[in-house]
Amino acid sequence: MDPLSGDAAPRTLDRREGPYGEVVLRERRGPGGEIHEIIANGCFLMDTSDGRSERLLVDAAHTALAGRPDPSVLIGGLGVGFSLAHAAAEPGWSRIAVAEREQAIIDWHTTGPLRRVSAAALADPRTTVLHTDLMAYLRHTSDTYDALCLDIDNGPDWTVTEDNSSLYAPDGLRACARRLSPGGVLAVWSAQPSENFERTLRNAGFSGVRTEEIAVARGVPDVVHLAVRPA
């Protein structure tokens, strides 16, 4: 048992070796019931204990697009499904796509225990699940969106796999900009603030760069980095 949280030790529900390494779905008993968590290559990614930061990621992008009719959104990373579920609960989004490269994570949502988070969102006719690596998709698709909401790592300074770091480099950010409509918003979740990433966003041609903090129970606040593709 975790002596700080009082949660029971987690048990493994599924463990798979994918093209980008190992992904694990675990379950533990918390004060409010069952909590599911995703571990990638031994690194904790996220769990179902809260979801405030994932919801703020989507809300911040939607608010920044205030007044734009029928905006569309691409969510980078399905994760435990909070971002997708929150986007689908907002009738203002006209089109919702989510890019997820791990088949295991998609399966945990379609036929596994994470259905309780995402079932309604996946059934929404506005929703499309793209089984693809986000960077490959950004570089090769001709699709454009009004918002990109990215939550595929613990942040630009703490990537799950080494190749993910290219997303936060100038070339990766320019790929994001090409997939945004003029005036579109990029929102990037991070477990900690990064002044260096803010500079990289500006150097990649984004404007209106700012960071919103999300209070957490312990430690440094989570943040959402926001930036706008100039019109």
Protein backbone atom coordinates (compact mmCIF):
# COMPACT_ATOMS: atom_id res chain seq x y z
CA MET A 1 0.00 0.00 0.00
CA ASP A 2 1.18 3.53 -0.81
CA PRO A 3 1.78 5.11 2.63
CA LEU A 4 1.03 8.62 1.31
CA SER A 5 -2.16 7.97 -0.64
CA GLY A 6 -3.48 4.92 1.18
CA ASP A 7 -4.06 3.21 -2.18
CA ALA A 8 -3.59 -0.54 -2.47
CA ALA A 9 -0.65 -1.81 -4.54
CA PRO A 10 -1.57 -2.03 -8.25
CA ARG A 11 -2.11 -5.27 -10.13
CA THR A 12 -1.30 -5.75 -13.80
CA LEU A 13 -4.31 -6.26 -16.09
CA ASP A 14 -2.46 -6.35 -19.42
CA ARG A 15 1.14 -6.09 -20.56
CA ARG A 16 2.14 -5.87 -24.21
CA GLU A 17 5.30 -5.35 -26.21
CA GLY A 18 4.55 -2.94 -29.03
CA PRO A 19 6.60 -1.27 -31.75
CA TYR A 20 7.63 1.50 -29.32
CA GLY A 21 8.31 -0.66 -26.28
CA GLU A 22 6.26 -2.07 -23.43
CA VAL A 23 2.87 -0.73 -22.39
CA VAL A 24 1.10 -1.89 -19.23
CA LEU A 25 -2.40 -1.35 -17.88
CA ARG A 26 -2.60 -1.59 -14.10
CA GLU A 27 -5.44 -1.33 -11.60
CA ARG A 28 -5.38 -0.29 -7.98
CA ARG A 29 -7.99 0.38 -5.34
CA GLY A 30 -8.19 4.00 -4.26
CA PRO A 31 -10.46 5.82 -1.80
CA GLY A 32 -13.00 6.44 -4.59
CA GLY A 33 -12.89 2.99 -6.16
CA GLU A 34 -10.89 1.37 -8.94
CA ILE A 35 -8.13 3.45 -10.54
CA HIS A 36 -6.51 2.43 -13.82
CA GLU A 37 -3.06 3.58 -14.84
CA ILE A 38 -0.94 3.32 -17.97
CA ILE A 39 2.80 2.63 -17.77
CA ALA A 40 4.98 2.95 -20.88
CA ASN A 41 8.54 1.58 -20.88
CA GLY A 42 8.47 1.60 -17.10
CA CYS A 43 7.42 5.28 -16.96
CA PHE A 44 4.10 6.28 -15.38
CA LEU A 45 2.02 8.15 -17.95
CA MET A 46 -1.40 8.83 -16.44
CA ASP A 47 -4.25 7.35 -14.44
CA THR A 48 -7.98 7.74 -13.90
CA SER A 49 -7.71 9.27 -10.42
CA ASP A 50 -8.39 12.86 -11.47
CA GLY A 51 -8.43 14.15 -15.05
CA ARG A 52 -8.49 17.88 -14.30
CA SER A 53 -5.37 18.60 -16.33
CA GLU A 54 -6.60 16.61 -19.34
CA ARG A 55 -9.89 18.48 -19.29
CA LEU A 56 -8.13 21.83 -18.98
CA LEU A 57 -6.02 20.93 -22.01
CA VAL A 58 -9.18 20.73 -24.13
CA ASP A 59 -10.95 23.64 -22.43
CA ALA A 60 -7.97 25.97 -22.89
CA ALA A 61 -7.89 25.27 -26.63
CA HIS A 62 -11.66 25.69 -26.99
CA THR A 63 -11.64 28.96 -25.05
CA ALA A 64 -8.82 30.32 -27.20
CA LEU A 65 -10.99 29.65 -30.26
CA ALA A 66 -13.96 31.58 -28.86
CA GLY A 67 -16.14 32.90 -31.66
CA ARG A 68 -14.83 30.49 -34.31
CA PRO A 69 -17.77 28.56 -35.84
CA ASP A 70 -17.68 24.76 -35.78
CA PRO A 71 -14.04 24.26 -34.72
CA SER A 72 -12.30 20.92 -35.14
CA VAL A 73 -9.75 19.32 -32.82
CA LEU A 74 -7.02 16.71 -33.05
CA ILE A 75 -6.06 15.09 -29.75
CA GLY A 76 -2.59 13.59 -29.65
CA GLY A 77 -2.70 10.52 -27.42
CA LEU A 78 -5.77 8.59 -26.29
CA GLY A 79 -4.32 7.83 -22.86
CA VAL A 80 -6.98 7.01 -20.29
CA GLY A 81 -9.56 8.87 -22.40
CA PHE A 82 -10.26 11.98 -20.32
CA SER A 83 -9.33 14.46 -23.08
CA LEU A 84 -11.44 12.66 -25.68
CA ALA A 85 -14.41 12.24 -23.33
CA HIS A 86 -14.29 15.92 -22.38
CA ALA A 87 -14.07 17.04 -26.00
CA ALA A 88 -17.06 14.88 -26.94
CA ALA A 89 -19.06 16.36 -24.04
CA GLU A 90 -18.64 19.80 -25.65
CA PRO A 91 -21.19 20.22 -28.46
CA GLY A 92 -19.18 23.09 -29.94
CA TRP A 93 -16.59 20.80 -31.53
CA SER A 94 -17.69 19.86 -35.04
CA ARG A 95 -15.02 17.19 -35.60
CA ILE A 96 -12.88 15.28 -33.08
CA ALA A 97 -9.94 13.10 -34.06
CA VAL A 98 -7.59 11.31 -31.69
CA ALA A 99 -4.24 9.87 -32.78
CA GLU A 100 -2.97 6.86 -30.80
CA ARG A 101 -0.02 4.74 -31.91
CA GLU A 102 -0.44 1.89 -29.39
CA GLN A 103 -3.00 -0.72 -30.42
CA ALA A 104 -3.09 -1.94 -26.82
CA ILE A 105 -4.39 1.40 -25.59
CA ILE A 106 -7.08 1.48 -28.28
CA ASP A 107 -8.10 -2.05 -27.26
CA TRP A 108 -8.34 -1.08 -23.58
CA HIS A 109 -10.89 1.55 -24.62
CA THR A 110 -12.89 -0.47 -27.13
CA THR A 111 -13.06 -3.81 -25.31
CA GLY A 112 -11.31 -3.27 -21.97
CA PRO A 113 -11.83 -1.51 -18.64
CA LEU A 114 -11.24 2.00 -20.00
CA ARG A 115 -14.58 1.78 -21.83
CA ARG A 116 -16.15 3.34 -18.75
CA VAL A 117 -14.29 6.58 -19.56
CA SER A 118 -14.56 6.72 -23.33
CA ALA A 119 -17.51 4.61 -24.55
CA ALA A 120 -19.85 7.55 -25.17
CA ALA A 121 -17.10 9.57 -26.87
CA LEU A 122 -16.11 6.69 -29.15
CA ALA A 123 -19.75 6.24 -30.15
CA ASP A 124 -20.09 9.95 -31.00
CA PRO A 125 -20.35 10.38 -34.81
CA ARG A 126 -17.94 13.34 -34.62
CA THR A 127 -15.15 11.10 -33.27
CA THR A 128 -12.48 9.37 -35.35
CA VAL A 129 -9.71 7.24 -33.83
CA LEU A 130 -6.52 7.27 -35.90
CA HIS A 131 -4.22 4.32 -35.19
CA THR A 132 -1.03 6.11 -36.13
CA ASP A 133 2.12 7.69 -34.80
CA LEU A 134 1.33 11.35 -34.23
CA MET A 135 4.51 12.71 -35.84
CA ALA A 136 4.07 10.52 -38.93
CA TYR A 137 0.47 11.69 -39.24
CA LEU A 138 1.36 15.37 -38.86
CA ARG A 139 4.05 15.10 -41.50
CA HIS A 140 2.06 13.20 -44.13
CA THR A 141 -1.62 14.07 -43.78
CA SER A 142 -3.32 16.92 -45.60
CA ASP A 143 -5.97 17.22 -42.85
CA THR A 144 -6.15 20.48 -40.93
CA TYR A 145 -7.69 21.34 -37.57
CA ASP A 146 -8.53 24.43 -35.56
CA ALA A 147 -6.90 22.99 -32.43
CA LEU A 148 -4.22 20.44 -31.65
CA CYS A 149 -4.30 19.14 -28.06
CA LEU A 150 -1.19 17.07 -27.37
CA ASP A 151 -0.72 14.78 -24.38
CA ILE A 152 1.60 12.00 -25.48
CA ASP A 153 4.37 12.42 -22.89
CA ASN A 154 5.03 13.77 -19.43
CA GLY A 155 6.04 16.95 -21.24
CA PRO A 156 8.60 18.33 -23.69
CA ASP A 157 11.43 17.80 -21.19
CA TRP A 158 10.38 14.27 -20.19
CA THR A 159 9.52 12.06 -23.17
CA VAL A 160 8.43 8.44 -22.96
CA THR A 161 10.48 7.38 -25.98
CA GLU A 162 13.47 9.15 -27.48
CA ASP A 163 11.85 9.65 -30.88
CA ASN A 164 9.02 11.64 -29.26
CA SER A 165 11.46 14.48 -28.63
CA SER A 166 11.23 15.45 -32.31
CA LEU A 167 7.65 16.64 -31.74
CA TYR A 168 8.86 19.40 -29.41
CA ALA A 169 11.75 20.49 -31.63
CA PRO A 170 11.36 23.31 -34.18
CA ASP A 171 10.75 20.91 -37.09
CA GLY A 172 8.05 19.04 -35.18
CA LEU A 173 6.35 22.25 -34.12
CA ARG A 174 6.38 23.51 -37.69
CA ALA A 175 4.64 20.26 -38.66
CA CYS A 176 2.00 21.07 -36.02
CA ALA A 177 1.60 24.57 -37.46
CA ARG A 178 1.02 23.18 -40.96
CA ARG A 179 -1.86 21.06 -39.64
CA LEU A 180 -3.48 24.08 -37.98
CA SER A 181 -5.81 26.44 -39.76
CA PRO A 182 -4.78 30.13 -39.62
CA GLY A 183 -5.38 31.38 -36.08
CA GLY A 184 -5.55 27.79 -34.83
CA VAL A 185 -4.38 26.82 -31.35
CA LEU A 186 -1.72 24.39 -30.19
CA ALA A 187 -2.14 23.15 -26.60
CA VAL A 188 0.55 20.91 -25.06
CA TRP A 189 0.24 19.24 -21.66
CA SER A 190 3.34 19.01 -19.45
CA ALA A 191 4.10 17.75 -15.96
CA GLN A 192 6.20 20.86 -15.36
CA PRO A 193 6.68 24.32 -16.87
CA SER A 194 9.38 24.75 -19.52
CA GLU A 195 10.70 28.20 -20.42
CA ASN A 196 12.89 26.54 -23.06
CA PHE A 197 9.82 25.05 -24.75
CA GLU A 198 8.13 28.46 -24.75
CA ARG A 199 11.16 29.89 -26.57
CA THR A 200 11.09 27.01 -29.05
CA LEU A 201 7.40 27.69 -29.78
CA ARG A 202 8.17 31.35 -30.53
CA ASN A 203 11.17 30.42 -32.66
CA ALA A 204 8.97 28.01 -34.64
CA GLY A 205 6.72 30.93 -35.60
CA PHE A 206 3.91 30.66 -33.05
CA SER A 207 2.43 33.75 -31.41
CA GLY A 208 0.51 34.33 -28.19
CA VAL A 209 2.66 31.81 -26.33
CA ARG A 210 1.59 31.39 -22.72
CA THR A 211 1.42 28.77 -19.96
CA GLU A 212 -1.53 27.90 -17.72
CA GLU A 213 -0.83 26.13 -14.42
CA ILE A 214 -2.93 23.30 -13.00
CA ALA A 215 -2.74 22.83 -9.23
CA VAL A 216 -1.82 19.32 -8.06
CA ALA A 217 -1.90 17.75 -4.61
CA ARG A 218 1.89 17.56 -4.28
CA GLY A 219 4.89 18.99 -6.09
CA VAL A 220 5.26 21.26 -9.12
CA PRO A 221 1.99 22.19 -10.88
CA ASP A 222 1.06 20.55 -14.17
CA VAL A 223 0.81 23.03 -17.04
CA VAL A 224 -0.69 23.53 -20.48
CA HIS A 225 1.47 25.39 -22.98
CA LEU A 226 -0.65 27.37 -25.45
CA ALA A 227 0.39 28.92 -28.75
CA VAL A 228 -1.37 30.29 -31.85
CA ARG A 229 -0.57 29.85 -35.52
CA PRO A 230 -0.61 33.40 -36.92
CA ALA A 231 -3.50 34.11 -39.28
